[in-house]
Amino acid sequence: MSKIAAPKLPNGHPDRDLLCQEALEGEFLSLADQVHLSGWSPEEVATALMELADNYFLVNADLEMFELGAGVVLLSRKLH
């Protein structure tokens, strides 16, 4: 695993999400390639990565979820 760049901007800065994507991109593409070379289709790899990312977000994000009929879920920042 290569070294992933540390954040250079403070929490809350609007560019942090983009810089985090840039920091992860090389490892992400490497992982996707390894999985594809193991025999999984590009669609299977993409779907698995998206679902893993969604699950990671739901488990780790500092958010509260509010369920409103018909399966609609609204997310908002937790109040501390």
PDB file of N, CA and C in Angstrom:
ATOM      1  N   MET A   1       0.843  -1.177   0.000  1.00  0.00           N
ATOM      2  CA  MET A   1       0.000   0.000   0.000  1.00  0.00           C
ATOM      3  C   MET A   1       0.890   1.243   0.000  1.00  0.00           C
ATOM      4  N   SER A   2       0.600   2.150  -0.898  1.00  0.00           N
ATOM      5  CA  SER A   2       1.398   3.374  -0.970  1.00  0.00           C
ATOM      6  C   SER A   2       0.935   4.372   0.086  1.00  0.00           C
ATOM      7  N   LYS A   3       1.757   5.370   0.301  1.00  0.00           N
ATOM      8  CA  LYS A   3       1.420   6.398   1.285  1.00  0.00           C
ATOM      9  C   LYS A   3       0.310   7.275   0.738  1.00  0.00           C
ATOM     10  N   ILE A   4      -0.711   7.485   1.554  1.00  0.00           N
ATOM     11  CA  ILE A   4      -1.830   8.346   1.183  1.00  0.00           C
ATOM     12  C   ILE A   4      -1.604   9.704   1.835  1.00  0.00           C
ATOM     13  N   ALA A   5      -1.727  10.758   1.047  1.00  0.00           N
ATOM     14  CA  ALA A   5      -1.474  12.114   1.528  1.00  0.00           C
ATOM     15  C   ALA A   5      -2.420  12.486   2.664  1.00  0.00           C
ATOM     16  N   ALA A   6      -1.872  13.131   3.675  1.00  0.00           N
ATOM     17  CA  ALA A   6      -2.665  13.639   4.791  1.00  0.00           C
ATOM     18  C   ALA A   6      -3.391  14.908   4.362  1.00  0.00           C
ATOM     19  N   PRO A   7      -4.486  15.240   5.026  1.00  0.00           N
ATOM     20  CA  PRO A   7      -5.194  16.472   4.680  1.00  0.00           C
ATOM     21  C   PRO A   7      -4.336  17.701   4.951  1.00  0.00           C
ATOM     22  N   LYS A   8      -4.434  18.669   4.054  1.00  0.00           N
ATOM     23  CA  LYS A   8      -3.669  19.905   4.203  1.00  0.00           C
ATOM     24  C   LYS A   8      -4.573  21.091   4.542  1.00  0.00           C
ATOM     25  N   LEU A   9      -5.873  20.827   4.600  1.00  0.00           N
ATOM     26  CA  LEU A   9      -6.842  21.877   4.891  1.00  0.00           C
ATOM     27  C   LEU A   9      -7.579  21.534   6.183  1.00  0.00           C
ATOM     28  N   PRO A  10      -8.083  22.531   6.889  1.00  0.00           N
ATOM     29  CA  PRO A  10      -8.781  22.273   8.154  1.00  0.00           C
ATOM     30  C   PRO A  10     -10.142  21.613   7.928  1.00  0.00           C
ATOM     31  N   ASN A  11     -10.636  20.905   8.956  1.00  0.00           N
ATOM     32  CA  ASN A  11     -11.982  20.335   8.900  1.00  0.00           C
ATOM     33  C   ASN A  11     -12.978  21.423   8.523  1.00  0.00           C
ATOM     34  N   GLY A  12     -13.954  21.042   7.709  1.00  0.00           N
ATOM     35  CA  GLY A  12     -14.984  21.984   7.314  1.00  0.00           C
ATOM     36  C   GLY A  12     -14.664  22.767   6.052  1.00  0.00           C
ATOM     37  N   HIS A  13     -13.427  22.717   5.579  1.00  0.00           N
ATOM     38  CA  HIS A  13     -13.068  23.432   4.354  1.00  0.00           C
ATOM     39  C   HIS A  13     -13.799  22.783   3.179  1.00  0.00           C
ATOM     40  N   PRO A  14     -14.365  23.571   2.273  1.00  0.00           N
ATOM     41  CA  PRO A  14     -15.170  23.006   1.184  1.00  0.00           C
ATOM     42  C   PRO A  14     -14.393  22.115   0.205  1.00  0.00           C
ATOM     43  N   ASP A  15     -13.076  22.227   0.152  1.00  0.00           N
ATOM     44  CA  ASP A  15     -12.289  21.423  -0.789  1.00  0.00           C
ATOM     45  C   ASP A  15     -11.774  20.113  -0.200  1.00  0.00           C
ATOM     46  N   ARG A  16     -12.017  19.857   1.085  1.00  0.00           N
ATOM     47  CA  ARG A  16     -11.483  18.635   1.709  1.00  0.00           C
ATOM     48  C   ARG A  16     -12.005  17.362   1.052  1.00  0.00           C
ATOM     49  N   ASP A  17     -13.287  17.321   0.708  1.00  0.00           N
ATOM     50  CA  ASP A  17     -13.835  16.114   0.076  1.00  0.00           C
ATOM     51  C   ASP A  17     -13.116  15.803  -1.231  1.00  0.00           C
ATOM     52  N   LEU A  18     -12.902  16.807  -2.050  1.00  0.00           N
ATOM     53  CA  LEU A  18     -12.222  16.611  -3.326  1.00  0.00           C
ATOM     54  C   LEU A  18     -10.772  16.172  -3.103  1.00  0.00           C
ATOM     55  N   LEU A  19     -10.082  16.795  -2.158  1.00  0.00           N
ATOM     56  CA  LEU A  19      -8.699  16.421  -1.889  1.00  0.00           C
ATOM     57  C   LEU A  19      -8.601  15.000  -1.323  1.00  0.00           C
ATOM     58  N   CYS A  20      -9.597  14.586  -0.551  1.00  0.00           N
ATOM     59  CA  CYS A  20      -9.620  13.212  -0.043  1.00  0.00           C
ATOM     60  C   CYS A  20      -9.791  12.236  -1.210  1.00  0.00           C
ATOM     61  N   GLN A  21     -10.664  12.567  -2.159  1.00  0.00           N
ATOM     62  CA  GLN A  21     -10.826  11.721  -3.344  1.00  0.00           C
ATOM     63  C   GLN A  21      -9.513  11.592  -4.105  1.00  0.00           C
ATOM     64  N   GLU A  22      -8.823  12.709  -4.265  1.00  0.00           N
ATOM     65  CA  GLU A  22      -7.541  12.679  -4.969  1.00  0.00           C
ATOM     66  C   GLU A  22      -6.529  11.822  -4.218  1.00  0.00           C
ATOM     67  N   ALA A  23      -6.530  11.894  -2.894  1.00  0.00           N
ATOM     68  CA  ALA A  23      -5.595  11.108  -2.089  1.00  0.00           C
ATOM     69  C   ALA A  23      -5.880   9.613  -2.208  1.00  0.00           C
ATOM     70  N   LEU A  24      -7.148   9.241  -2.334  1.00  0.00           N
ATOM     71  CA  LEU A  24      -7.547   7.838  -2.400  1.00  0.00           C
ATOM     72  C   LEU A  24      -7.532   7.242  -3.805  1.00  0.00           C
ATOM     73  N   GLU A  25      -7.531   8.081  -4.812  1.00  0.00           N
ATOM     74  CA  GLU A  25      -7.749   7.614  -6.185  1.00  0.00           C
ATOM     75  C   GLU A  25      -6.805   6.494  -6.624  1.00  0.00           C
ATOM     76  N   GLY A  26      -5.522   6.632  -6.378  1.00  0.00           N
ATOM     77  CA  GLY A  26      -4.565   5.618  -6.821  1.00  0.00           C
ATOM     78  C   GLY A  26      -4.831   4.263  -6.197  1.00  0.00           C
ATOM     79  N   GLU A  27      -5.040   4.231  -4.884  1.00  0.00           N
ATOM     80  CA  GLU A  27      -5.327   2.978  -4.184  1.00  0.00           C
ATOM     81  C   GLU A  27      -6.675   2.401  -4.620  1.00  0.00           C
ATOM     82  N   PHE A  28      -7.644   3.273  -4.819  1.00  0.00           N
ATOM     83  CA  PHE A  28      -8.975   2.846  -5.260  1.00  0.00           C
ATOM     84  C   PHE A  28      -8.889   2.153  -6.618  1.00  0.00           C
ATOM     85  N   LEU A  29      -8.212   2.792  -7.567  1.00  0.00           N
ATOM     86  CA  LEU A  29      -8.084   2.207  -8.907  1.00  0.00           C
ATOM     87  C   LEU A  29      -7.283   0.911  -8.871  1.00  0.00           C
ATOM     88  N   SER A  30      -6.259   0.859  -8.036  1.00  0.00           N
ATOM     89  CA  SER A  30      -5.474  -0.362  -7.895  1.00  0.00           C
ATOM     90  C   SER A  30      -6.325  -1.501  -7.356  1.00  0.00           C
ATOM     91  N   LEU A  31      -7.111  -1.224  -6.333  1.00  0.00           N
ATOM     92  CA  LEU A  31      -8.004  -2.235  -5.768  1.00  0.00           C
ATOM     93  C   LEU A  31      -9.019  -2.704  -6.804  1.00  0.00           C
ATOM     94  N   ALA A  32      -9.636  -1.772  -7.511  1.00  0.00           N
ATOM     95  CA  ALA A  32     -10.623  -2.129  -8.534  1.00  0.00           C
ATOM     96  C   ALA A  32      -9.985  -3.007  -9.605  1.00  0.00           C
ATOM     97  N   ASP A  33      -8.774  -2.676 -10.032  1.00  0.00           N
ATOM     98  CA  ASP A  33      -8.068  -3.484 -11.035  1.00  0.00           C
ATOM     99  C   ASP A  33      -7.779  -4.889 -10.515  1.00  0.00           C
ATOM    100  N   GLN A  34      -7.333  -5.005  -9.272  1.00  0.00           N
ATOM    101  CA  GLN A  34      -7.035  -6.317  -8.692  1.00  0.00           C
ATOM    102  C   GLN A  34      -8.287  -7.195  -8.650  1.00  0.00           C
ATOM    103  N   VAL A  35      -9.393  -6.615  -8.248  1.00  0.00           N
ATOM    104  CA  VAL A  35     -10.642  -7.373  -8.156  1.00  0.00           C
ATOM    105  C   VAL A  35     -11.095  -7.791  -9.554  1.00  0.00           C
ATOM    106  N   HIS A  36     -11.001  -6.878 -10.511  1.00  0.00           N
ATOM    107  CA  HIS A  36     -11.382  -7.195 -11.896  1.00  0.00           C
ATOM    108  C   HIS A  36     -10.497  -8.316 -12.453  1.00  0.00           C
ATOM    109  N   LEU A  37      -9.195  -8.248 -12.186  1.00  0.00           N
ATOM    110  CA  LEU A  37      -8.277  -9.287 -12.672  1.00  0.00           C
ATOM    111  C   LEU A  37      -8.524 -10.641 -12.002  1.00  0.00           C
ATOM    112  N   SER A  38      -9.203 -10.627 -10.857  1.00  0.00           N
ATOM    113  CA  SER A  38      -9.549 -11.883 -10.177  1.00  0.00           C
ATOM    114  C   SER A  38     -10.757 -12.565 -10.813  1.00  0.00           C
ATOM    115  N   GLY A  39     -11.383 -11.891 -11.770  1.00  0.00           N
ATOM    116  CA  GLY A  39     -12.488 -12.515 -12.480  1.00  0.00           C
ATOM    117  C   GLY A  39     -13.841 -11.845 -12.335  1.00  0.00           C
ATOM    118  N   TRP A  40     -13.931 -10.810 -11.538  1.00  0.00           N
ATOM    119  CA  TRP A  40     -15.195 -10.107 -11.379  1.00  0.00           C
ATOM    120  C   TRP A  40     -15.363  -9.109 -12.518  1.00  0.00           C
ATOM    121  N   SER A  41     -16.592  -8.917 -12.966  1.00  0.00           N
ATOM    122  CA  SER A  41     -16.857  -7.968 -14.062  1.00  0.00           C
ATOM    123  C   SER A  41     -16.706  -6.538 -13.548  1.00  0.00           C
ATOM    124  N   PRO A  42     -16.438  -5.585 -14.450  1.00  0.00           N
ATOM    125  CA  PRO A  42     -16.345  -4.183 -14.030  1.00  0.00           C
ATOM    126  C   PRO A  42     -17.618  -3.703 -13.329  1.00  0.00           C
ATOM    127  N   GLU A  43     -18.773  -4.178 -13.792  1.00  0.00           N
ATOM    128  CA  GLU A  43     -20.033  -3.787 -13.168  1.00  0.00           C
ATOM    129  C   GLU A  43     -20.139  -4.330 -11.739  1.00  0.00           C
ATOM    130  N   GLU A  44     -19.715  -5.596 -11.553  1.00  0.00           N
ATOM    131  CA  GLU A  44     -19.733  -6.183 -10.210  1.00  0.00           C
ATOM    132  C   GLU A  44     -18.786  -5.435  -9.277  1.00  0.00           C
ATOM    133  N   VAL A  45     -17.614  -5.094  -9.787  1.00  0.00           N
ATOM    134  CA  VAL A  45     -16.633  -4.363  -8.981  1.00  0.00           C
ATOM    135  C   VAL A  45     -17.201  -2.999  -8.585  1.00  0.00           C
ATOM    136  N   ALA A  46     -17.747  -2.279  -9.553  1.00  0.00           N
ATOM    137  CA  ALA A  46     -18.297  -0.947  -9.282  1.00  0.00           C
ATOM    138  C   ALA A  46     -19.441  -1.018  -8.283  1.00  0.00           C
ATOM    139  N   THR A  47     -20.340  -1.980  -8.459  1.00  0.00           N
ATOM    140  CA  THR A  47     -21.468  -2.119  -7.544  1.00  0.00           C
ATOM    141  C   THR A  47     -20.982  -2.442  -6.133  1.00  0.00           C
ATOM    142  N   ALA A  48     -20.037  -3.360  -6.011  1.00  0.00           N
ATOM    143  CA  ALA A  48     -19.518  -3.729  -4.698  1.00  0.00           C
ATOM    144  C   ALA A  48     -18.847  -2.535  -4.018  1.00  0.00           C
ATOM    145  N   LEU A  49     -18.042  -1.789  -4.765  1.00  0.00           N
ATOM    146  CA  LEU A  49     -17.361  -0.632  -4.183  1.00  0.00           C
ATOM    147  C   LEU A  49     -18.354   0.440  -3.742  1.00  0.00           C
ATOM    148  N   MET A  50     -19.396   0.663  -4.549  1.00  0.00           N
ATOM    149  CA  MET A  50     -20.412   1.658  -4.171  1.00  0.00           C
ATOM    150  C   MET A  50     -21.156   1.233  -2.909  1.00  0.00           C
ATOM    151  N   GLU A  51     -21.513  -0.055  -2.829  1.00  0.00           N
ATOM    152  CA  GLU A  51     -22.247  -0.523  -1.665  1.00  0.00           C
ATOM    153  C   GLU A  51     -21.371  -0.503  -0.417  1.00  0.00           C
ATOM    154  N   LEU A  52     -20.107  -0.844  -0.563  1.00  0.00           N
ATOM    155  CA  LEU A  52     -19.187  -0.747   0.572  1.00  0.00           C
ATOM    156  C   LEU A  52     -19.030   0.701   1.027  1.00  0.00           C
ATOM    157  N   ALA A  53     -18.925   1.614   0.072  1.00  0.00           N
ATOM    158  CA  ALA A  53     -18.804   3.036   0.418  1.00  0.00           C
ATOM    159  C   ALA A  53     -20.066   3.532   1.113  1.00  0.00           C
ATOM    160  N   ASP A  54     -21.243   3.140   0.611  1.00  0.00           N
ATOM    161  CA  ASP A  54     -22.500   3.530   1.264  1.00  0.00           C
ATOM    162  C   ASP A  54     -22.548   3.016   2.693  1.00  0.00           C
ATOM    163  N   ASN A  55     -22.194   1.750   2.886  1.00  0.00           N
ATOM    164  CA  ASN A  55     -22.213   1.162   4.223  1.00  0.00           C
ATOM    165  C   ASN A  55     -21.219   1.861   5.151  1.00  0.00           C
ATOM    166  N   TYR A  56     -20.039   2.153   4.641  1.00  0.00           N
ATOM    167  CA  TYR A  56     -19.030   2.848   5.439  1.00  0.00           C
ATOM    168  C   TYR A  56     -19.556   4.218   5.867  1.00  0.00           C
ATOM    169  N   PHE A  57     -20.190   4.900   4.927  1.00  0.00           N
ATOM    170  CA  PHE A  57     -20.754   6.220   5.211  1.00  0.00           C
ATOM    171  C   PHE A  57     -21.806   6.140   6.313  1.00  0.00           C
ATOM    172  N   LEU A  58     -22.730   5.199   6.182  1.00  0.00           N
ATOM    173  CA  LEU A  58     -23.814   5.091   7.150  1.00  0.00           C
ATOM    174  C   LEU A  58     -23.318   4.716   8.539  1.00  0.00           C
ATOM    175  N   VAL A  59     -22.271   3.909   8.612  1.00  0.00           N
ATOM    176  CA  VAL A  59     -21.734   3.481   9.906  1.00  0.00           C
ATOM    177  C   VAL A  59     -20.868   4.575  10.538  1.00  0.00           C
ATOM    178  N   ASN A  60     -20.157   5.346   9.729  1.00  0.00           N
ATOM    179  CA  ASN A  60     -19.149   6.267  10.254  1.00  0.00           C
ATOM    180  C   ASN A  60     -19.491   7.746  10.185  1.00  0.00           C
ATOM    181  N   ALA A  61     -20.476   8.124   9.399  1.00  0.00           N
ATOM    182  CA  ALA A  61     -20.791   9.547   9.260  1.00  0.00           C
ATOM    183  C   ALA A  61     -21.420  10.069  10.546  1.00  0.00           C
ATOM    184  N   ASP A  62     -21.129  11.289  10.861  1.00  0.00           N
ATOM    185  CA  ASP A  62     -21.679  11.938  12.050  1.00  0.00           C
ATOM    186  C   ASP A  62     -23.029  12.553  11.686  1.00  0.00           C
ATOM    187  N   LEU A  63     -23.972  11.664  11.342  1.00  0.00           N
ATOM    188  CA  LEU A  63     -25.279  12.116  10.879  1.00  0.00           C
ATOM    189  C   LEU A  63     -26.390  11.425  11.653  1.00  0.00           C
ATOM    190  N   GLU A  64     -27.532  12.093  11.683  1.00  0.00           N
ATOM    191  CA  GLU A  64     -28.736  11.465  12.201  1.00  0.00           C
ATOM    192  C   GLU A  64     -29.632  11.180  11.008  1.00  0.00           C
ATOM    193  N   MET A  65     -30.353  10.066  11.062  1.00  0.00           N
ATOM    194  CA  MET A  65     -31.253   9.729   9.967  1.00  0.00           C
ATOM    195  C   MET A  65     -32.685   9.866  10.452  1.00  0.00           C
ATOM    196  N   PHE A  66     -33.503  10.443   9.603  1.00  0.00           N
ATOM    197  CA  PHE A  66     -34.915  10.594   9.884  1.00  0.00           C
ATOM    198  C   PHE A  66     -35.678   9.909   8.758  1.00  0.00           C
ATOM    199  N   GLU A  67     -36.479   8.938   9.124  1.00  0.00           N
ATOM    200  CA  GLU A  67     -37.225   8.212   8.114  1.00  0.00           C
ATOM    201  C   GLU A  67     -38.596   8.852   7.992  1.00  0.00           C
ATOM    202  N   LEU A  68     -38.956   9.182   6.768  1.00  0.00           N
ATOM    203  CA  LEU A  68     -40.252   9.778   6.489  1.00  0.00           C
ATOM    204  C   LEU A  68     -40.951   8.887   5.477  1.00  0.00           C
ATOM    205  N   GLY A  69     -42.119   8.372   5.757  1.00  0.00           N
ATOM    206  CA  GLY A  69     -42.893   7.480   4.895  1.00  0.00           C
ATOM    207  C   GLY A  69     -42.305   7.171   3.536  1.00  0.00           C
ATOM    208  N   ALA A  70     -42.737   6.122   2.932  1.00  0.00           N
ATOM    209  CA  ALA A  70     -42.360   5.678   1.588  1.00  0.00           C
ATOM    210  C   ALA A  70     -40.865   5.426   1.451  1.00  0.00           C
ATOM    211  N   GLY A  71     -40.175   5.150   2.549  1.00  0.00           N
ATOM    212  CA  GLY A  71     -38.765   4.792   2.473  1.00  0.00           C
ATOM    213  C   GLY A  71     -37.818   5.953   2.239  1.00  0.00           C
ATOM    214  N   VAL A  72     -38.298   7.168   2.330  1.00  0.00           N
ATOM    215  CA  VAL A  72     -37.431   8.323   2.137  1.00  0.00           C
ATOM    216  C   VAL A  72     -36.654   8.570   3.421  1.00  0.00           C
ATOM    217  N   VAL A  73     -35.355   8.739   3.299  1.00  0.00           N
ATOM    218  CA  VAL A  73     -34.501   8.978   4.463  1.00  0.00           C
ATOM    219  C   VAL A  73     -33.802  10.315   4.269  1.00  0.00           C
ATOM    220  N   LEU A  74     -33.939  11.181   5.247  1.00  0.00           N
ATOM    221  CA  LEU A  74     -33.243  12.455   5.232  1.00  0.00           C
ATOM    222  C   LEU A  74     -32.086  12.375   6.207  1.00  0.00           C
ATOM    223  N   LEU A  75     -30.951  12.915   5.848  1.00  0.00           N
ATOM    224  CA  LEU A  75     -29.772  12.903   6.709  1.00  0.00           C
ATOM    225  C   LEU A  75     -29.487  14.333   7.127  1.00  0.00           C
ATOM    226  N   SER A  76     -29.104  14.515   8.374  1.00  0.00           N
ATOM    227  CA  SER A  76     -28.704  15.840   8.840  1.00  0.00           C
ATOM    228  C   SER A  76     -27.556  15.678   9.817  1.00  0.00           C
ATOM    229  N   ARG A  77     -26.765  16.706   9.976  1.00  0.00           N
ATOM    230  CA  ARG A  77     -25.647  16.680  10.917  1.00  0.00           C
ATOM    231  C   ARG A  77     -26.185  16.500  12.329  1.00  0.00           C
ATOM    232  N   LYS A  78     -25.477  15.700  13.129  1.00  0.00           N
ATOM    233  CA  LYS A  78     -25.856  15.511  14.523  1.00  0.00           C
ATOM    234  C   LYS A  78     -25.566  16.798  15.291  1.00  0.00           C
ATOM    235  N   LEU A  79     -26.443  17.124  16.182  1.00  0.00           N
ATOM    236  CA  LEU A  79     -26.212  18.284  17.044  1.00  0.00           C
ATOM    237  C   LEU A  79     -25.491  17.797  18.291  1.00  0.00           C
ATOM    238  N   HIS A  80     -24.416  18.462  18.637  1.00  0.00           N
ATOM    239  CA  HIS A  80     -23.625  18.055  19.812  1.00  0.00           C
ATOM    240  C   HIS A  80     -23.786  19.054  20.896  1.00  0.00           C
TER     241      HIS A  80
END
